[in-house]
Amino acid sequence: MRQATDVFSEWADIGKDAGMEKGHAPAVSEILAAAFEEMGHLESGFDAIDAGCGNGWVVRLLSSIPDCKSAIGIDGAESMITRASEIDSQGTYTHADLLSWTPENPVDLVHSMEVLYYLDDIPGFLEMVISKWLKPNGIFAFGIDHYLENEDCHGWSKKVGTPMAMHSEQDWGGMVENTGFEVLRMFRAAPSDDWAGTLSFICRKL
């Protein structure tokens, strides 16, 4: 089994990052829309972090919103960060381990798409987000396609050749709540007749 960061660096090198962006865009659109509904209007604007930013497409999307003061992308795959910086030379992208990196200042919104189940310590990451990354009442919005109820994903780990944690919807909800988050919404984004949808959470730091 290879490390996920090595796999994703390889994918960036061969141009698969564009396909990931296209495939994830419908779910991310729903997740961010739900997150902004829960955030309400912030008179001073908002700042954000995209955890596992890939080629930076969500950072660019967030940065295009008039109320966005800043958006930072962080990823453990070096080639993904290189690609993000090539596309968006004015953006802020950092190559670092998600389990140990902390921002200079906490933010209003943390977003993550298709990342958490690759991490060696999911509860540890959730604790880092709630204690170091988010402001009080900040929103953590994330989506995952690899979960027990989505039968289409059950062979992904073997196919890709990298470890992927398998948890049920209930397990994911429990981990989030045990960290101290308030789960505002749990839903499946962008489902279809042949796809269970992206398991999505909108959570608030109390």
N, C-alpha and C. Protein backbone atom coordinates (compact mmCIF):
# COMPACT_ATOMS: atom_id res chain seq x y z
N MET A 1 0.83 -1.20 0.00
CA MET A 1 0.00 0.00 0.00
C MET A 1 0.88 1.27 0.00
N ARG A 2 0.51 2.22 -0.82
CA ARG A 2 1.23 3.49 -0.91
C ARG A 2 0.53 4.56 -0.09
N GLN A 3 1.27 5.58 0.29
CA GLN A 3 0.68 6.71 0.97
C GLN A 3 -0.22 7.49 0.00
N ALA A 4 -1.34 7.97 0.50
CA ALA A 4 -2.27 8.70 -0.36
C ALA A 4 -1.62 9.94 -0.96
N THR A 5 -0.75 10.60 -0.20
CA THR A 5 -0.10 11.81 -0.72
C THR A 5 0.77 11.49 -1.93
N ASP A 6 1.40 10.31 -1.95
CA ASP A 6 2.21 9.91 -3.10
C ASP A 6 1.32 9.64 -4.32
N VAL A 7 0.18 9.00 -4.07
CA VAL A 7 -0.76 8.71 -5.16
C VAL A 7 -1.26 10.00 -5.77
N PHE A 8 -1.66 10.95 -4.93
CA PHE A 8 -2.22 12.20 -5.45
C PHE A 8 -1.17 13.07 -6.13
N SER A 9 0.07 13.01 -5.66
CA SER A 9 1.14 13.72 -6.35
C SER A 9 1.31 13.15 -7.75
N GLU A 10 1.26 11.84 -7.85
CA GLU A 10 1.37 11.20 -9.16
C GLU A 10 0.21 11.61 -10.06
N TRP A 11 -0.99 11.67 -9.50
CA TRP A 11 -2.16 12.07 -10.29
C TRP A 11 -2.01 13.51 -10.79
N ALA A 12 -1.47 14.38 -9.96
CA ALA A 12 -1.25 15.76 -10.40
C ALA A 12 -0.24 15.80 -11.54
N ASP A 13 0.80 14.99 -11.43
CA ASP A 13 1.84 14.96 -12.46
C ASP A 13 1.31 14.51 -13.82
N ILE A 14 0.28 13.65 -13.81
CA ILE A 14 -0.24 13.14 -15.09
C ILE A 14 -1.56 13.82 -15.48
N GLY A 15 -1.95 14.86 -14.75
CA GLY A 15 -3.10 15.65 -15.14
C GLY A 15 -4.45 15.16 -14.67
N LYS A 16 -4.49 14.22 -13.73
CA LYS A 16 -5.78 13.72 -13.26
C LYS A 16 -6.48 14.69 -12.31
N ASP A 17 -5.79 15.74 -11.90
CA ASP A 17 -6.41 16.70 -10.98
C ASP A 17 -7.62 17.38 -11.62
N ALA A 18 -7.58 17.60 -12.93
CA ALA A 18 -8.70 18.26 -13.61
C ALA A 18 -9.95 17.40 -13.55
N GLY A 19 -9.79 16.10 -13.68
CA GLY A 19 -10.93 15.20 -13.60
C GLY A 19 -11.52 15.15 -12.21
N MET A 20 -10.66 15.23 -11.20
CA MET A 20 -11.14 15.25 -9.82
C MET A 20 -11.98 16.50 -9.58
N GLU A 21 -11.52 17.62 -10.08
CA GLU A 21 -12.26 18.87 -9.95
C GLU A 21 -13.64 18.75 -10.59
N LYS A 22 -13.69 18.25 -11.81
CA LYS A 22 -14.96 18.12 -12.53
C LYS A 22 -15.90 17.15 -11.81
N GLY A 23 -15.37 16.03 -11.33
CA GLY A 23 -16.20 15.03 -10.69
C GLY A 23 -16.77 15.47 -9.35
N HIS A 24 -16.01 16.27 -8.61
CA HIS A 24 -16.42 16.66 -7.26
C HIS A 24 -17.22 17.96 -7.23
N ALA A 25 -17.21 18.71 -8.30
CA ALA A 25 -17.82 20.03 -8.30
C ALA A 25 -19.30 20.04 -7.90
N PRO A 26 -20.15 19.13 -8.40
CA PRO A 26 -21.57 19.19 -8.00
C PRO A 26 -21.77 19.03 -6.50
N ALA A 27 -21.07 18.08 -5.88
CA ALA A 27 -21.21 17.87 -4.44
C ALA A 27 -20.67 19.06 -3.66
N VAL A 28 -19.52 19.57 -4.06
CA VAL A 28 -18.92 20.71 -3.36
C VAL A 28 -19.84 21.93 -3.44
N SER A 29 -20.48 22.11 -4.57
CA SER A 29 -21.41 23.22 -4.72
C SER A 29 -22.54 23.14 -3.69
N GLU A 30 -23.08 21.94 -3.50
CA GLU A 30 -24.14 21.75 -2.50
C GLU A 30 -23.61 21.95 -1.08
N ILE A 31 -22.43 21.43 -0.82
CA ILE A 31 -21.85 21.54 0.52
C ILE A 31 -21.59 23.00 0.89
N LEU A 32 -20.99 23.75 -0.03
CA LEU A 32 -20.69 25.15 0.27
C LEU A 32 -21.96 25.97 0.39
N ALA A 33 -22.96 25.67 -0.43
CA ALA A 33 -24.23 26.40 -0.33
C ALA A 33 -24.86 26.19 1.05
N ALA A 34 -24.83 24.95 1.54
CA ALA A 34 -25.36 24.67 2.87
C ALA A 34 -24.54 25.35 3.95
N ALA A 35 -23.22 25.36 3.78
CA ALA A 35 -22.34 26.00 4.76
C ALA A 35 -22.63 27.50 4.86
N PHE A 36 -22.78 28.16 3.71
CA PHE A 36 -23.03 29.59 3.72
C PHE A 36 -24.40 29.91 4.31
N GLU A 37 -25.37 29.04 4.10
CA GLU A 37 -26.68 29.25 4.72
C GLU A 37 -26.56 29.23 6.24
N GLU A 38 -25.75 28.32 6.76
CA GLU A 38 -25.58 28.23 8.21
C GLU A 38 -24.72 29.35 8.77
N MET A 39 -23.79 29.85 7.96
CA MET A 39 -22.93 30.95 8.41
C MET A 39 -23.70 32.26 8.48
N GLY A 40 -24.70 32.42 7.60
CA GLY A 40 -25.41 33.68 7.56
C GLY A 40 -24.51 34.76 6.97
N HIS A 41 -24.90 35.99 7.14
CA HIS A 41 -24.13 37.11 6.61
C HIS A 41 -23.12 37.59 7.65
N LEU A 42 -21.86 37.55 7.28
CA LEU A 42 -20.81 38.06 8.16
C LEU A 42 -20.44 39.46 7.70
N GLU A 43 -20.75 40.46 8.52
CA GLU A 43 -20.56 41.85 8.10
C GLU A 43 -19.11 42.15 7.74
N SER A 44 -18.18 41.48 8.40
CA SER A 44 -16.77 41.73 8.13
C SER A 44 -16.21 40.78 7.08
N GLY A 45 -17.08 40.00 6.43
CA GLY A 45 -16.60 39.02 5.47
C GLY A 45 -16.16 37.75 6.17
N PHE A 46 -15.59 36.80 5.40
CA PHE A 46 -15.15 35.54 6.00
C PHE A 46 -13.79 35.14 5.44
N ASP A 47 -13.08 34.31 6.21
CA ASP A 47 -11.85 33.71 5.73
C ASP A 47 -11.99 32.20 5.81
N ALA A 48 -11.23 31.49 4.98
CA ALA A 48 -11.46 30.05 4.82
C ALA A 48 -10.17 29.29 4.59
N ILE A 49 -10.24 28.01 4.92
CA ILE A 49 -9.17 27.05 4.62
C ILE A 49 -9.80 25.89 3.87
N ASP A 50 -9.14 25.44 2.80
CA ASP A 50 -9.54 24.21 2.13
C ASP A 50 -8.50 23.15 2.46
N ALA A 51 -8.91 22.16 3.23
CA ALA A 51 -8.00 21.10 3.68
C ALA A 51 -7.99 19.97 2.67
N GLY A 52 -6.83 19.71 2.08
CA GLY A 52 -6.72 18.77 0.98
C GLY A 52 -7.16 19.44 -0.30
N CYS A 53 -6.53 20.57 -0.61
CA CYS A 53 -7.02 21.47 -1.66
C CYS A 53 -6.76 20.99 -3.07
N GLY A 54 -5.93 19.95 -3.25
CA GLY A 54 -5.64 19.49 -4.61
C GLY A 54 -5.04 20.60 -5.45
N ASN A 55 -5.59 20.82 -6.65
CA ASN A 55 -5.03 21.85 -7.53
C ASN A 55 -5.55 23.24 -7.22
N GLY A 56 -6.25 23.39 -6.09
CA GLY A 56 -6.65 24.71 -5.62
C GLY A 56 -7.97 25.22 -6.16
N TRP A 57 -8.75 24.36 -6.79
CA TRP A 57 -9.95 24.86 -7.45
C TRP A 57 -10.99 25.40 -6.47
N VAL A 58 -11.11 24.79 -5.28
CA VAL A 58 -12.06 25.32 -4.30
C VAL A 58 -11.54 26.63 -3.70
N VAL A 59 -10.24 26.75 -3.52
CA VAL A 59 -9.67 28.01 -3.05
C VAL A 59 -9.98 29.13 -4.04
N ARG A 60 -9.83 28.84 -5.32
CA ARG A 60 -10.13 29.84 -6.35
C ARG A 60 -11.62 30.18 -6.35
N LEU A 61 -12.46 29.17 -6.14
CA LEU A 61 -13.90 29.40 -6.08
C LEU A 61 -14.26 30.29 -4.90
N LEU A 62 -13.72 29.97 -3.73
CA LEU A 62 -13.99 30.77 -2.54
C LEU A 62 -13.48 32.20 -2.72
N SER A 63 -12.29 32.33 -3.29
CA SER A 63 -11.68 33.65 -3.46
C SER A 63 -12.49 34.55 -4.39
N SER A 64 -13.28 33.94 -5.25
CA SER A 64 -14.09 34.72 -6.20
C SER A 64 -15.34 35.31 -5.56
N ILE A 65 -15.67 34.87 -4.34
CA ILE A 65 -16.86 35.36 -3.64
C ILE A 65 -16.52 36.73 -3.03
N PRO A 66 -17.35 37.75 -3.29
CA PRO A 66 -17.02 39.11 -2.81
C PRO A 66 -16.77 39.20 -1.31
N ASP A 67 -17.47 38.40 -0.49
CA ASP A 67 -17.31 38.48 0.96
C ASP A 67 -16.07 37.76 1.48
N CYS A 68 -15.36 37.05 0.61
CA CYS A 68 -14.18 36.28 1.05
C CYS A 68 -12.98 37.20 1.22
N LYS A 69 -12.47 37.26 2.45
CA LYS A 69 -11.29 38.07 2.73
C LYS A 69 -10.01 37.33 2.38
N SER A 70 -10.01 36.02 2.62
CA SER A 70 -8.83 35.21 2.30
C SER A 70 -9.23 33.75 2.24
N ALA A 71 -8.51 32.99 1.42
CA ALA A 71 -8.72 31.55 1.32
C ALA A 71 -7.36 30.89 1.17
N ILE A 72 -7.11 29.90 2.01
CA ILE A 72 -5.83 29.20 2.04
C ILE A 72 -6.06 27.75 1.65
N GLY A 73 -5.18 27.22 0.82
CA GLY A 73 -5.23 25.80 0.47
C GLY A 73 -4.05 25.07 1.08
N ILE A 74 -4.32 23.91 1.66
CA ILE A 74 -3.25 23.08 2.21
C ILE A 74 -3.43 21.65 1.72
N ASP A 75 -2.33 21.00 1.37
CA ASP A 75 -2.40 19.63 0.88
C ASP A 75 -1.08 18.93 1.19
N GLY A 76 -1.18 17.63 1.46
CA GLY A 76 0.01 16.84 1.76
C GLY A 76 0.70 16.31 0.52
N ALA A 77 0.06 16.47 -0.66
CA ALA A 77 0.65 16.00 -1.92
C ALA A 77 1.40 17.17 -2.57
N GLU A 78 2.72 17.07 -2.61
CA GLU A 78 3.54 18.20 -3.07
C GLU A 78 3.22 18.63 -4.49
N SER A 79 3.00 17.67 -5.38
CA SER A 79 2.72 18.03 -6.77
C SER A 79 1.38 18.72 -6.93
N MET A 80 0.42 18.42 -6.05
CA MET A 80 -0.85 19.13 -6.10
C MET A 80 -0.66 20.60 -5.75
N ILE A 81 0.16 20.88 -4.74
CA ILE A 81 0.43 22.26 -4.36
C ILE A 81 1.20 22.97 -5.48
N THR A 82 2.13 22.28 -6.10
CA THR A 82 2.85 22.86 -7.23
C THR A 82 1.89 23.23 -8.34
N ARG A 83 0.96 22.32 -8.63
CA ARG A 83 -0.03 22.57 -9.68
C ARG A 83 -0.92 23.74 -9.31
N ALA A 84 -1.37 23.80 -8.06
CA ALA A 84 -2.22 24.91 -7.61
C ALA A 84 -1.51 26.24 -7.78
N SER A 85 -0.24 26.29 -7.43
CA SER A 85 0.53 27.53 -7.53
C SER A 85 0.78 27.92 -8.98
N GLU A 86 0.89 26.93 -9.86
CA GLU A 86 1.05 27.23 -11.29
C GLU A 86 -0.21 27.85 -11.87
N ILE A 87 -1.36 27.32 -11.46
CA ILE A 87 -2.64 27.82 -11.97
C ILE A 87 -2.95 29.19 -11.38
N ASP A 88 -2.65 29.37 -10.11
CA ASP A 88 -3.04 30.56 -9.36
C ASP A 88 -1.84 31.09 -8.61
N SER A 89 -1.01 31.85 -9.30
CA SER A 89 0.25 32.31 -8.70
C SER A 89 0.03 33.31 -7.57
N GLN A 90 -1.16 33.93 -7.51
CA GLN A 90 -1.45 34.90 -6.47
C GLN A 90 -2.11 34.26 -5.24
N GLY A 91 -2.44 32.98 -5.34
CA GLY A 91 -3.11 32.30 -4.25
C GLY A 91 -2.15 31.87 -3.15
N THR A 92 -2.72 31.44 -2.04
CA THR A 92 -1.93 30.98 -0.90
C THR A 92 -2.10 29.48 -0.75
N TYR A 93 -1.04 28.73 -1.04
CA TYR A 93 -1.08 27.28 -1.01
C TYR A 93 0.11 26.77 -0.22
N THR A 94 -0.14 25.77 0.64
CA THR A 94 0.90 25.26 1.52
C THR A 94 0.98 23.75 1.43
N HIS A 95 2.18 23.23 1.26
CA HIS A 95 2.41 21.79 1.29
C HIS A 95 2.77 21.42 2.73
N ALA A 96 1.90 20.65 3.38
CA ALA A 96 2.13 20.29 4.78
C ALA A 96 1.26 19.11 5.16
N ASP A 97 1.61 18.48 6.27
CA ASP A 97 0.84 17.38 6.84
C ASP A 97 -0.40 17.95 7.52
N LEU A 98 -1.58 17.51 7.12
CA LEU A 98 -2.81 18.04 7.70
C LEU A 98 -2.92 17.77 9.20
N LEU A 99 -2.26 16.73 9.66
CA LEU A 99 -2.37 16.35 11.07
C LEU A 99 -1.47 17.17 11.99
N SER A 100 -0.57 17.95 11.42
CA SER A 100 0.34 18.72 12.27
C SER A 100 0.35 20.21 11.96
N TRP A 101 -0.12 20.61 10.79
CA TRP A 101 -0.12 22.02 10.40
C TRP A 101 -1.19 22.80 11.16
N THR A 102 -0.88 24.04 11.50
CA THR A 102 -1.87 24.94 12.08
C THR A 102 -1.75 26.30 11.40
N PRO A 103 -2.88 26.99 11.19
CA PRO A 103 -2.83 28.31 10.55
C PRO A 103 -2.31 29.37 11.52
N GLU A 104 -1.84 30.47 10.96
CA GLU A 104 -1.40 31.58 11.81
C GLU A 104 -2.57 32.15 12.61
N ASN A 105 -3.75 32.17 11.97
CA ASN A 105 -4.95 32.68 12.62
C ASN A 105 -6.12 31.77 12.30
N PRO A 106 -7.03 31.54 13.25
CA PRO A 106 -8.22 30.72 12.98
C PRO A 106 -9.13 31.41 11.97
N VAL A 107 -10.00 30.62 11.33
CA VAL A 107 -10.84 31.12 10.25
C VAL A 107 -12.32 30.85 10.54
N ASP A 108 -13.16 31.42 9.68
CA ASP A 108 -14.61 31.25 9.82
C ASP A 108 -15.10 29.95 9.21
N LEU A 109 -14.42 29.45 8.17
CA LEU A 109 -14.89 28.28 7.42
C LEU A 109 -13.72 27.37 7.09
N VAL A 110 -13.86 26.10 7.42
CA VAL A 110 -12.93 25.07 6.95
C VAL A 110 -13.72 24.11 6.07
N HIS A 111 -13.22 23.90 4.87
CA HIS A 111 -13.86 22.98 3.92
C HIS A 111 -12.91 21.84 3.60
N SER A 112 -13.46 20.66 3.36
CA SER A 112 -12.64 19.52 2.94
C SER A 112 -13.49 18.57 2.12
N MET A 113 -12.97 18.16 0.96
CA MET A 113 -13.69 17.23 0.09
C MET A 113 -12.82 16.03 -0.23
N GLU A 114 -13.30 14.85 0.13
CA GLU A 114 -12.64 13.60 -0.24
C GLU A 114 -11.22 13.50 0.32
N VAL A 115 -11.12 13.75 1.62
CA VAL A 115 -9.80 13.74 2.26
C VAL A 115 -9.77 12.92 3.54
N LEU A 116 -10.77 13.08 4.39
CA LEU A 116 -10.67 12.61 5.77
C LEU A 116 -10.38 11.12 5.91
N TYR A 117 -10.94 10.29 5.03
CA TYR A 117 -10.77 8.85 5.22
C TYR A 117 -9.38 8.37 4.83
N TYR A 118 -8.56 9.24 4.26
CA TYR A 118 -7.17 8.90 3.97
C TYR A 118 -6.25 9.14 5.17
N LEU A 119 -6.73 9.88 6.15
CA LEU A 119 -5.87 10.28 7.27
C LEU A 119 -5.66 9.14 8.25
N ASP A 120 -4.47 9.08 8.83
CA ASP A 120 -4.14 8.04 9.80
C ASP A 120 -4.88 8.24 11.12
N ASP A 121 -5.21 9.48 11.44
CA ASP A 121 -5.85 9.79 12.73
C ASP A 121 -6.99 10.78 12.49
N ILE A 122 -8.15 10.26 12.13
CA ILE A 122 -9.28 11.13 11.83
C ILE A 122 -9.72 11.92 13.05
N PRO A 123 -9.91 11.28 14.23
CA PRO A 123 -10.28 12.07 15.41
C PRO A 123 -9.25 13.15 15.75
N GLY A 124 -7.97 12.83 15.54
CA GLY A 124 -6.93 13.82 15.81
C GLY A 124 -7.04 15.02 14.89
N PHE A 125 -7.39 14.78 13.63
CA PHE A 125 -7.57 15.89 12.69
C PHE A 125 -8.78 16.73 13.08
N LEU A 126 -9.88 16.06 13.43
CA LEU A 126 -11.07 16.79 13.85
C LEU A 126 -10.78 17.67 15.06
N GLU A 127 -10.01 17.14 15.99
CA GLU A 127 -9.63 17.91 17.18
C GLU A 127 -8.76 19.11 16.79
N MET A 128 -7.87 18.92 15.82
CA MET A 128 -7.03 20.02 15.36
C MET A 128 -7.89 21.13 14.74
N VAL A 129 -8.88 20.73 13.93
CA VAL A 129 -9.74 21.72 13.28
C VAL A 129 -10.52 22.53 14.31
N ILE A 130 -11.10 21.84 15.28
CA ILE A 130 -11.94 22.55 16.24
C ILE A 130 -11.13 23.39 17.23
N SER A 131 -9.92 22.96 17.53
CA SER A 131 -9.14 23.67 18.55
C SER A 131 -8.18 24.70 17.97
N LYS A 132 -7.69 24.48 16.74
CA LYS A 132 -6.64 25.34 16.19
C LYS A 132 -7.03 26.08 14.91
N TRP A 133 -7.97 25.54 14.15
CA TRP A 133 -8.25 26.10 12.83
C TRP A 133 -9.43 27.06 12.81
N LEU A 134 -10.45 26.79 13.63
CA LEU A 134 -11.71 27.54 13.55
C LEU A 134 -11.87 28.58 14.64
N LYS A 135 -12.49 29.70 14.26
CA LYS A 135 -12.92 30.69 15.24
C LYS A 135 -14.14 30.14 16.01
N PRO A 136 -14.49 30.72 17.15
CA PRO A 136 -15.74 30.35 17.81
C PRO A 136 -16.92 30.53 16.85
N ASN A 137 -17.82 29.54 16.83
CA ASN A 137 -18.97 29.51 15.94
C ASN A 137 -18.58 29.29 14.47
N GLY A 138 -17.32 28.96 14.22
CA GLY A 138 -16.88 28.67 12.86
C GLY A 138 -17.51 27.39 12.33
N ILE A 139 -17.52 27.28 11.00
CA ILE A 139 -18.16 26.15 10.33
C ILE A 139 -17.12 25.23 9.70
N PHE A 140 -17.30 23.94 9.94
CA PHE A 140 -16.50 22.91 9.27
C PHE A 140 -17.44 22.16 8.33
N ALA A 141 -17.17 22.22 7.04
CA ALA A 141 -18.01 21.59 6.02
C ALA A 141 -17.17 20.59 5.24
N PHE A 142 -17.58 19.31 5.26
CA PHE A 142 -16.78 18.32 4.54
C PHE A 142 -17.66 17.26 3.88
N GLY A 143 -17.07 16.64 2.86
CA GLY A 143 -17.76 15.58 2.14
C GLY A 143 -16.83 14.41 1.89
N ILE A 144 -17.39 13.18 1.92
CA ILE A 144 -16.63 11.97 1.64
C ILE A 144 -17.48 11.03 0.80
N ASP A 145 -16.83 10.37 -0.12
CA ASP A 145 -17.50 9.38 -0.98
C ASP A 145 -17.26 7.95 -0.50
N HIS A 146 -16.28 7.76 0.37
CA HIS A 146 -15.91 6.43 0.83
C HIS A 146 -16.52 6.19 2.21
N TYR A 147 -17.71 5.58 2.22
CA TYR A 147 -18.39 5.26 3.48
C TYR A 147 -19.18 3.98 3.29
N LEU A 148 -19.50 3.33 4.39
CA LEU A 148 -20.01 1.97 4.36
C LEU A 148 -21.26 1.81 3.51
N GLU A 149 -22.18 2.76 3.58
CA GLU A 149 -23.45 2.64 2.88
C GLU A 149 -23.31 2.82 1.37
N ASN A 150 -22.20 3.33 0.92
CA ASN A 150 -21.95 3.52 -0.52
C ASN A 150 -21.22 2.29 -1.05
N GLU A 151 -21.96 1.31 -1.52
CA GLU A 151 -21.36 0.03 -1.92
C GLU A 151 -20.39 0.18 -3.10
N ASP A 152 -20.58 1.21 -3.92
CA ASP A 152 -19.70 1.39 -5.08
C ASP A 152 -18.25 1.65 -4.68
N CYS A 153 -18.03 2.09 -3.45
CA CYS A 153 -16.68 2.48 -3.04
C CYS A 153 -15.91 1.36 -2.35
N HIS A 154 -16.53 0.22 -2.12
CA HIS A 154 -15.93 -0.78 -1.26
C HIS A 154 -14.62 -1.37 -1.80
N GLY A 155 -14.38 -1.29 -3.07
CA GLY A 155 -13.14 -1.82 -3.62
C GLY A 155 -12.09 -0.78 -3.94
N TRP A 156 -12.35 0.47 -3.55
CA TRP A 156 -11.44 1.54 -3.95
C TRP A 156 -10.04 1.39 -3.36
N SER A 157 -9.94 1.02 -2.11
CA SER A 157 -8.62 0.93 -1.47
C SER A 157 -7.71 -0.03 -2.22
N LYS A 158 -8.24 -1.19 -2.55
CA LYS A 158 -7.45 -2.17 -3.30
C LYS A 158 -7.14 -1.68 -4.70
N LYS A 159 -8.11 -1.04 -5.33
CA LYS A 159 -7.91 -0.56 -6.71
C LYS A 159 -6.86 0.54 -6.79
N VAL A 160 -6.92 1.48 -5.86
CA VAL A 160 -5.99 2.61 -5.87
C VAL A 160 -4.66 2.23 -5.24
N GLY A 161 -4.70 1.29 -4.29
CA GLY A 161 -3.48 0.84 -3.64
C GLY A 161 -3.04 1.72 -2.50
N THR A 162 -4.01 2.31 -1.79
CA THR A 162 -3.69 3.14 -0.65
C THR A 162 -4.71 2.90 0.46
N PRO A 163 -4.33 2.98 1.72
CA PRO A 163 -5.29 2.73 2.81
C PRO A 163 -6.41 3.76 2.83
N MET A 164 -7.63 3.30 3.08
CA MET A 164 -8.80 4.17 3.20
C MET A 164 -9.65 3.65 4.35
N ALA A 165 -9.91 4.49 5.33
CA ALA A 165 -10.74 4.09 6.46
C ALA A 165 -12.19 3.93 6.01
N MET A 166 -12.83 2.85 6.45
CA MET A 166 -14.23 2.60 6.12
C MET A 166 -15.09 2.74 7.38
N HIS A 167 -15.99 3.71 7.37
CA HIS A 167 -16.89 3.94 8.49
C HIS A 167 -18.31 4.14 7.97
N SER A 168 -19.28 3.84 8.80
CA SER A 168 -20.68 4.06 8.45
C SER A 168 -21.03 5.53 8.64
N GLU A 169 -22.20 5.91 8.13
CA GLU A 169 -22.69 7.27 8.35
C GLU A 169 -22.80 7.57 9.84
N GLN A 170 -23.30 6.61 10.59
CA GLN A 170 -23.44 6.79 12.03
C GLN A 170 -22.08 6.96 12.70
N ASP A 171 -21.09 6.19 12.27
CA ASP A 171 -19.74 6.30 12.82
C ASP A 171 -19.17 7.70 12.57
N TRP A 172 -19.34 8.19 11.36
CA TRP A 172 -18.83 9.52 11.03
C TRP A 172 -19.50 10.58 11.90
N GLY A 173 -20.81 10.48 12.02
CA GLY A 173 -21.52 11.42 12.87
C GLY A 173 -21.05 11.38 14.31
N GLY A 174 -20.79 10.18 14.81
CA GLY A 174 -20.31 10.03 16.17
C GLY A 174 -18.94 10.65 16.37
N MET A 175 -18.03 10.45 15.41
CA MET A 175 -16.70 11.03 15.54
C MET A 175 -16.77 12.55 15.58
N VAL A 176 -17.61 13.11 14.73
CA VAL A 176 -17.73 14.57 14.67
C VAL A 176 -18.30 15.10 15.99
N GLU A 177 -19.36 14.49 16.47
CA GLU A 177 -19.99 14.96 17.71
C GLU A 177 -19.08 14.74 18.92
N ASN A 178 -18.35 13.63 18.95
CA ASN A 178 -17.45 13.36 20.07
C ASN A 178 -16.32 14.38 20.16
N THR A 179 -15.99 14.99 19.03
CA THR A 179 -14.96 16.03 19.05
C THR A 179 -15.47 17.30 19.69
N GLY A 180 -16.79 17.48 19.69
CA GLY A 180 -17.37 18.68 20.27
C GLY A 180 -18.08 19.56 19.28
N PHE A 181 -18.14 19.13 18.02
CA PHE A 181 -18.88 19.88 17.01
C PHE A 181 -20.39 19.69 17.20
N GLU A 182 -21.15 20.70 16.83
CA GLU A 182 -22.59 20.57 16.67
C GLU A 182 -22.86 20.26 15.21
N VAL A 183 -23.49 19.11 14.94
CA VAL A 183 -23.81 18.75 13.55
C VAL A 183 -25.08 19.50 13.16
N LEU A 184 -24.94 20.44 12.26
CA LEU A 184 -26.08 21.23 11.80
C LEU A 184 -26.83 20.52 10.68
N ARG A 185 -26.09 19.88 9.80
CA ARG A 185 -26.71 19.15 8.70
C ARG A 185 -25.85 17.93 8.36
N MET A 186 -26.50 16.82 8.09
CA MET A 186 -25.85 15.64 7.53
C MET A 186 -26.71 15.18 6.37
N PHE A 187 -26.14 15.10 5.18
CA PHE A 187 -26.93 14.77 4.00
C PHE A 187 -26.03 14.14 2.94
N ARG A 188 -26.64 13.62 1.91
CA ARG A 188 -25.90 13.08 0.77
C ARG A 188 -26.01 14.06 -0.38
N ALA A 189 -24.89 14.62 -0.77
CA ALA A 189 -24.86 15.62 -1.84
C ALA A 189 -24.75 14.95 -3.21
N ALA A 190 -25.43 15.51 -4.17
CA ALA A 190 -25.36 15.11 -5.58
C ALA A 190 -25.58 13.62 -5.81
N PRO A 191 -26.64 13.03 -5.23
CA PRO A 191 -26.93 11.62 -5.52
C PRO A 191 -27.54 11.47 -6.91
N SER A 192 -27.53 10.26 -7.43
CA SER A 192 -28.15 9.98 -8.71
C SER A 192 -28.72 8.58 -8.68
N ASP A 193 -29.28 8.14 -9.79
CA ASP A 193 -29.87 6.81 -9.84
C ASP A 193 -28.84 5.71 -9.59
N ASP A 194 -27.58 5.96 -9.97
CA ASP A 194 -26.55 4.93 -9.82
C ASP A 194 -25.41 5.38 -8.89
N TRP A 195 -25.67 6.38 -8.06
CA TRP A 195 -24.63 6.87 -7.15
C TRP A 195 -25.28 7.30 -5.83
N ALA A 196 -24.76 6.79 -4.72
CA ALA A 196 -25.36 7.06 -3.40
C ALA A 196 -25.23 8.51 -2.98
N GLY A 197 -24.27 9.20 -3.55
CA GLY A 197 -24.05 10.59 -3.18
C GLY A 197 -22.89 10.75 -2.21
N THR A 198 -22.45 11.97 -2.06
CA THR A 198 -21.34 12.31 -1.16
C THR A 198 -21.88 12.54 0.25
N LEU A 199 -21.41 11.76 1.21
CA LEU A 199 -21.80 11.95 2.60
C LEU A 199 -21.23 13.29 3.07
N SER A 200 -22.11 14.18 3.49
CA SER A 200 -21.71 15.56 3.75
C SER A 200 -22.14 16.01 5.14
N PHE A 201 -21.28 16.80 5.77
CA PHE A 201 -21.54 17.32 7.11
C PHE A 201 -21.30 18.83 7.13
N ILE A 202 -22.22 19.54 7.75
CA ILE A 202 -22.02 20.95 8.08
C ILE A 202 -22.04 21.03 9.60
N CYS A 203 -20.91 21.42 10.19
CA CYS A 203 -20.74 21.36 11.64
C CYS A 203 -20.33 22.74 12.17
N ARG A 204 -20.71 23.02 13.40
CA ARG A 204 -20.34 24.29 14.01
C ARG A 204 -19.49 24.06 15.25
N LYS A 205 -18.46 24.87 15.37
CA LYS A 205 -17.67 24.88 16.61
C LYS A 205 -18.43 25.67 17.65
N LEU A 206 -18.71 25.05 18.77
CA LEU A 206 -19.46 25.73 19.84
C LEU A 206 -18.54 26.57 20.72
